[in-house]
């Protein structure tokens, strides 16, 4: 066990000094990017060098380095290898480099790499992946349509595709949130209603959106199908019925008394 811990510590020391002593050190950041077709796409990489060294060039490549796109040199005109991307822009500065490709298309997805070269001849390579930012698809709802009053019911909203989807649940046009009987989990995918009763009858929607579009799916819990919703039909309380009955009797009594009074006055 002690040997394993020692090896692990030595590995950490090796990684640390490898990074610290590297002639070109690239800043940490995301290596996976999403883009929307038709929009501009920009990659920015920050780096540091040894004090006496300066950056010379940065070459962007695609398809695991098999195809060069452009070579950027400090204070010099860019040298585009891929003429289809000449409408883009590459800027190399003392501590960062950026690549902007205009009107990014679905066929531009794939693996990109950057090779940095310093004046001293030192090199460093960084890998990136560009993925398509997909619209959300029309959702579907999974739930057990056979349930009884007082049971717990789970609704699952599913989509086949969509980048960074945001899920929301609505009932009768109002947004549902977590409370004593409603639980929304798994980043909004699952809605759970505990001890379901007649107050839960209504029209529900799962609404999903991202930066590209919005889709929704509706389902109903209505009295045409569920008995518990029929129980929600308004019933007049028995005490109200008694009061109404007494009022009717009083009105009838008053009418009879008035009729008799009129007859006695005529006689």
Protein backbone atom coordinates (compact mmCIF):
# COMPACT_ATOMS: atom_id res chain seq x y z
CA UNK A 1 0.00 0.00 0.00
CA UNK A 2 2.85 2.36 0.87
CA UNK A 3 4.56 1.57 -2.46
CA UNK A 4 1.36 2.51 -4.31
CA UNK A 5 1.13 5.86 -2.50
CA UNK A 6 4.78 6.55 -3.23
CA UNK A 7 4.33 5.84 -6.93
CA UNK A 8 1.29 8.11 -7.02
CA UNK A 9 3.22 10.96 -5.36
CA UNK A 10 6.11 10.53 -7.78
CA UNK A 11 3.66 10.63 -10.69
CA UNK A 12 2.17 13.90 -9.42
CA UNK A 13 5.64 15.40 -9.08
CA UNK A 14 6.52 14.29 -12.61
CA UNK A 15 3.35 15.81 -14.08
CA UNK A 16 3.90 19.04 -12.14
CA UNK A 17 7.48 19.54 -13.26
CA UNK A 18 6.65 18.45 -16.81
CA UNK A 19 4.08 21.26 -17.00
CA UNK A 20 6.18 23.85 -15.18
CA UNK A 21 9.34 23.16 -17.19
CA UNK A 22 7.55 22.86 -20.53
CA UNK A 23 8.92 25.53 -22.90
CA UNK A 24 5.38 26.35 -24.09
CA UNK A 25 2.63 26.02 -21.51
CA UNK A 26 -0.95 26.09 -22.75
CA UNK A 27 -3.64 27.36 -20.38
CA UNK A 28 -6.31 24.95 -19.26
CA UNK A 29 -9.76 25.31 -20.77
CA UNK A 30 -12.50 23.44 -22.60
CA UNK A 31 -11.41 21.20 -25.44
CA UNK A 32 -14.92 20.45 -26.72
CA UNK A 33 -16.97 23.12 -28.47
CA UNK A 34 -20.45 23.32 -29.97
CA UNK A 35 -21.39 25.52 -32.91
CA UNK A 36 -24.58 26.61 -34.66
CA UNK A 37 -24.53 26.21 -38.47
CA UNK A 38 -24.28 29.49 -40.33
CA UNK A 39 -22.67 31.33 -37.42
CA UNK A 40 -19.05 32.22 -36.79
CA UNK A 41 -16.96 29.82 -34.74
CA UNK A 42 -13.99 30.98 -32.66
CA UNK A 43 -11.28 29.05 -30.82
CA UNK A 44 -9.00 30.93 -28.39
CA UNK A 45 -5.90 29.45 -26.77
CA UNK A 46 -3.76 31.17 -24.14
CA UNK A 47 -0.15 30.18 -23.56
CA UNK A 48 3.07 31.20 -21.80
CA UNK A 49 6.71 30.74 -22.77
CA UNK A 50 10.11 30.88 -21.20
CA UNK A 51 11.11 34.50 -20.40
CA UNK A 52 13.75 34.69 -23.14
CA UNK A 53 11.65 32.94 -25.76
CA UNK A 54 8.86 34.33 -27.97
CA UNK A 55 6.16 32.73 -30.05
CA UNK A 56 6.87 32.29 -33.75
CA UNK A 57 3.82 30.66 -35.29
CA UNK A 58 0.64 28.71 -34.70
CA UNK A 59 -0.71 26.25 -37.23
CA UNK A 60 -4.34 25.12 -37.10
CA UNK A 61 -5.12 21.68 -38.50
CA UNK A 62 -8.16 19.45 -38.92
CA UNK A 63 -8.87 15.71 -39.10
CA UNK A 64 -6.18 14.73 -36.59
CA UNK A 65 -3.57 16.91 -38.25
CA UNK A 66 -3.99 15.50 -41.74
CA UNK A 67 -5.29 18.77 -43.21
CA UNK A 68 -3.77 22.17 -42.47
CA UNK A 69 -6.11 25.16 -42.34
CA UNK A 70 -3.91 28.16 -41.71
CA UNK A 71 -0.52 29.11 -40.31
CA UNK A 72 -0.49 32.30 -38.23
CA UNK A 73 2.77 34.14 -37.65
CA UNK A 74 3.46 36.96 -35.26
CA UNK A 75 3.07 40.36 -36.96
CA UNK A 76 2.85 38.73 -40.40
CA UNK A 77 0.15 37.91 -42.91
CA UNK A 78 -1.59 34.58 -42.40
CA UNK A 79 -0.79 31.74 -44.73
CA UNK A 80 -4.04 29.91 -45.56
CA UNK A 81 -3.64 26.30 -46.60
CA UNK A 82 -7.38 25.61 -46.85
CA UNK A 83 -8.63 28.15 -49.37
CA UNK A 84 -12.27 27.36 -48.51
CA UNK A 85 -11.70 28.96 -45.08
CA UNK A 86 -9.91 32.11 -46.20
CA UNK A 87 -12.93 34.14 -45.14
CA UNK A 88 -11.93 33.41 -41.54
CA UNK A 89 -9.49 35.19 -39.28
CA UNK A 90 -6.41 34.04 -37.35
CA UNK A 91 -4.70 36.31 -34.84
CA UNK A 92 -1.44 35.42 -33.08
CA UNK A 93 -0.32 37.57 -30.17
CA UNK A 94 2.39 37.33 -27.51
CA UNK A 95 0.26 35.27 -25.11
CA UNK A 96 -2.72 33.94 -27.07
CA UNK A 97 -3.89 32.81 -30.48
CA UNK A 98 -7.41 32.80 -31.91
CA UNK A 99 -9.01 31.24 -34.95
CA UNK A 100 -12.37 32.41 -36.28
CA UNK A 101 -14.09 30.50 -39.08
CA UNK A 102 -17.05 32.30 -40.58
CA UNK A 103 -20.28 30.60 -41.67
CA UNK A 104 -19.43 27.36 -39.93
CA UNK A 105 -21.16 24.40 -41.64
CA UNK A 106 -22.18 20.91 -40.45
CA UNK A 107 -19.38 19.36 -42.52
CA UNK A 108 -16.91 21.40 -40.45
CA UNK A 109 -17.45 19.21 -37.39
CA UNK A 110 -14.49 17.13 -36.34
CA UNK A 111 -11.17 17.16 -34.57
CA UNK A 112 -8.98 20.26 -34.70
CA UNK A 113 -5.44 20.74 -33.47
CA UNK A 114 -3.08 23.62 -32.90
CA UNK A 115 0.70 23.40 -33.17
CA UNK A 116 2.57 26.24 -31.49
CA UNK A 117 6.21 26.93 -32.42
CA UNK A 118 8.49 29.32 -30.57
CA UNK A 119 11.49 31.28 -31.86
CA UNK A 120 13.74 28.82 -30.05
CA UNK A 121 12.16 25.96 -31.99
CA UNK A 122 10.11 24.55 -29.11
CA UNK A 123 6.69 23.07 -30.01
CA UNK A 124 3.42 22.27 -28.28
CA UNK A 125 0.25 20.64 -29.63
CA UNK A 126 -3.34 21.02 -28.41
CA UNK A 127 -6.40 19.03 -29.50
CA UNK A 128 -10.00 20.30 -29.85
CA UNK A 129 -13.30 18.82 -30.94
CA UNK A 130 -16.01 20.82 -32.74
CA UNK A 131 -19.54 19.43 -32.51
CA UNK A 132 -22.84 20.47 -34.03
CA UNK A 133 -25.20 22.39 -31.72
CA UNK A 134 -28.37 20.42 -32.41
CA UNK A 135 -31.96 21.59 -32.13
CA UNK A 136 -34.08 19.75 -29.59
CA UNK A 137 -36.35 17.09 -31.06
CA UNK A 138 -40.05 16.70 -30.29
CA UNK A 139 -40.31 15.14 -26.83
CA UNK A 140 -42.24 12.07 -25.78
CA UNK A 141 -43.78 11.35 -22.37
CA UNK A 142 -43.47 8.03 -20.59
CA UNK A 143 -45.96 7.34 -17.78
CA UNK A 144 -48.29 4.69 -16.45
CA UNK A 145 -51.72 5.76 -17.60
CA UNK A 146 -53.39 3.26 -15.27
CA UNK A 147 -53.21 4.60 -11.72
CA UNK A 148 -55.40 5.03 -8.66
CA UNK A 149 -56.11 7.89 -6.35
CA UNK A 150 -53.45 8.19 -3.62
CA UNK A 151 -50.69 6.54 -5.65
CA UNK A 152 -47.43 8.12 -6.78
CA UNK A 153 -47.10 8.90 -10.46
CA UNK A 154 -43.89 9.49 -12.45
CA UNK A 155 -43.70 11.26 -15.81
CA UNK A 156 -40.52 11.06 -17.92
CA UNK A 157 -39.91 13.58 -20.70
CA UNK A 158 -37.55 12.22 -23.37
CA UNK A 159 -35.89 13.59 -26.50
CA UNK A 160 -33.78 11.85 -29.12
CA UNK A 161 -31.40 14.77 -29.67
CA UNK A 162 -30.67 18.32 -28.57
CA UNK A 163 -27.65 20.19 -27.21
CA UNK A 164 -27.90 21.60 -23.68
CA UNK A 165 -31.67 21.08 -23.38
CA UNK A 166 -33.61 22.84 -20.62
CA UNK A 167 -36.70 21.04 -19.29
CA UNK A 168 -39.78 22.66 -17.77
CA UNK A 169 -43.12 21.23 -16.65
CA UNK A 170 -46.43 23.09 -16.77
CA UNK A 171 -49.95 22.38 -15.52
CA UNK A 172 -52.85 24.39 -16.90
CA UNK A 173 -50.40 27.01 -18.18
CA UNK A 174 -48.58 27.42 -14.85
CA UNK A 175 -44.95 26.36 -14.33
CA UNK A 176 -44.51 23.51 -11.84
CA UNK A 177 -41.77 23.64 -9.21
CA UNK A 178 -40.64 21.40 -6.37
CA UNK A 179 -43.07 21.43 -3.45
CA UNK A 180 -44.58 19.01 -0.93
CA UNK A 181 -46.23 16.89 -3.63
CA UNK A 182 -44.31 17.69 -6.83
CA UNK A 183 -40.72 16.63 -7.39
CA UNK A 184 -38.71 17.56 -10.49
CA UNK A 185 -35.44 15.64 -10.84
CA UNK A 186 -32.74 14.52 -13.29
CA UNK A 187 -32.24 18.09 -14.55
CA UNK A 188 -35.96 18.49 -15.17
CA UNK A 189 -36.50 15.26 -17.10
CA UNK A 190 -38.64 13.54 -14.45
CA UNK A 191 -41.79 14.87 -12.76
CA UNK A 192 -43.13 12.91 -9.80
CA UNK A 193 -46.52 13.59 -8.16
CA UNK A 194 -47.07 11.94 -4.78
CA UNK A 195 -50.49 10.91 -3.43
CA UNK A 196 -52.20 11.92 -6.65
CA UNK A 197 -55.76 13.19 -6.21
CA UNK A 198 -58.52 15.16 -7.94
CA UNK A 199 -56.59 18.43 -7.61
CA UNK A 200 -53.98 17.00 -10.00
CA UNK A 201 -56.44 16.69 -12.87
CA UNK A 202 -55.73 19.04 -15.76
CA UNK A 203 -53.58 19.69 -18.80
CA UNK A 204 -49.82 19.09 -18.50
CA UNK A 205 -46.92 20.00 -20.78
CA UNK A 206 -43.24 19.18 -20.94
CA UNK A 207 -41.45 22.13 -22.55
CA UNK A 208 -37.87 21.73 -23.81
CA UNK A 209 -35.72 24.47 -25.27
CA UNK A 210 -32.15 25.43 -26.08
CA UNK A 211 -30.47 28.28 -27.96
CA UNK A 212 -31.83 26.99 -31.28
CA UNK A 213 -35.49 26.11 -30.73
CA UNK A 214 -38.28 25.04 -28.39
CA UNK A 215 -40.49 21.95 -28.45
CA UNK A 216 -43.27 20.70 -26.19
CA UNK A 217 -45.47 17.67 -25.54
CA UNK A 218 -48.90 17.81 -23.87
CA UNK A 219 -50.85 15.15 -22.02
CA UNK A 220 -54.11 15.30 -20.09
CA UNK A 221 -55.48 13.89 -16.88
CA UNK A 222 -59.18 14.55 -17.37
CA UNK A 223 -62.53 13.33 -16.05
CA UNK A 224 -63.33 11.62 -19.35
CA UNK A 225 -60.79 8.93 -18.47
CA UNK A 226 -60.11 9.03 -14.74
CA UNK A 227 -62.66 8.56 -11.97
CA UNK A 228 -60.68 10.64 -9.52
CA UNK A 229 -61.20 13.66 -11.80
CA UNK A 230 -64.94 13.02 -11.80
CA UNK A 231 -64.83 13.29 -8.03
CA UNK A 232 -63.71 16.85 -8.50
CA UNK A 233 -67.16 17.75 -9.86
CA UNK A 234 -68.76 20.26 -7.51
CA UNK A 235 -71.25 18.84 -4.99
CA UNK A 236 -73.50 21.05 -2.90
CA UNK A 237 -72.84 20.36 0.81
CA UNK A 238 -75.72 18.77 2.74
CA UNK A 239 -76.02 21.69 5.16
CA UNK A 240 -76.47 24.06 2.24
CA UNK A 241 -79.22 21.81 0.89
CA UNK A 242 -80.99 21.94 4.26
CA UNK A 243 -80.82 25.72 4.33
CA UNK A 244 -82.18 25.96 0.79
CA UNK A 245 -84.99 23.53 1.70
CA UNK A 246 -85.98 25.60 4.73
CA UNK A 247 -86.01 28.75 2.65
CA UNK A 248 -88.26 27.09 0.07
CA UNK A 249 -90.66 25.95 2.83
CA UNK A 250 -90.72 29.45 4.29
CA UNK A 251 -91.53 30.93 0.91
CA UNK A 252 -94.33 28.41 0.38
CA UNK A 253 -95.68 29.09 3.88
CA UNK A 254 -95.62 32.85 3.27
CA UNK A 255 -97.42 32.40 -0.03
CA UNK A 256 -100.16 30.24 1.57
CA UNK A 257 -100.59 32.68 4.42
CA UNK A 258 -100.90 35.61 2.00
CA UNK A 259 -103.48 33.78 -0.09
CA UNK A 260 -105.60 32.95 2.97
CA UNK A 261 -105.33 36.54 4.17
CA UNK A 262 -106.54 37.83 0.82
CA UNK A 263 -109.51 35.44 0.84
CA UNK A 264 -110.54 36.39 4.40
CA UNK A 265 -110.38 40.09 3.57
CA UNK A 266 -112.62 39.57 0.51
CA UNK A 267 -115.20 37.73 2.57
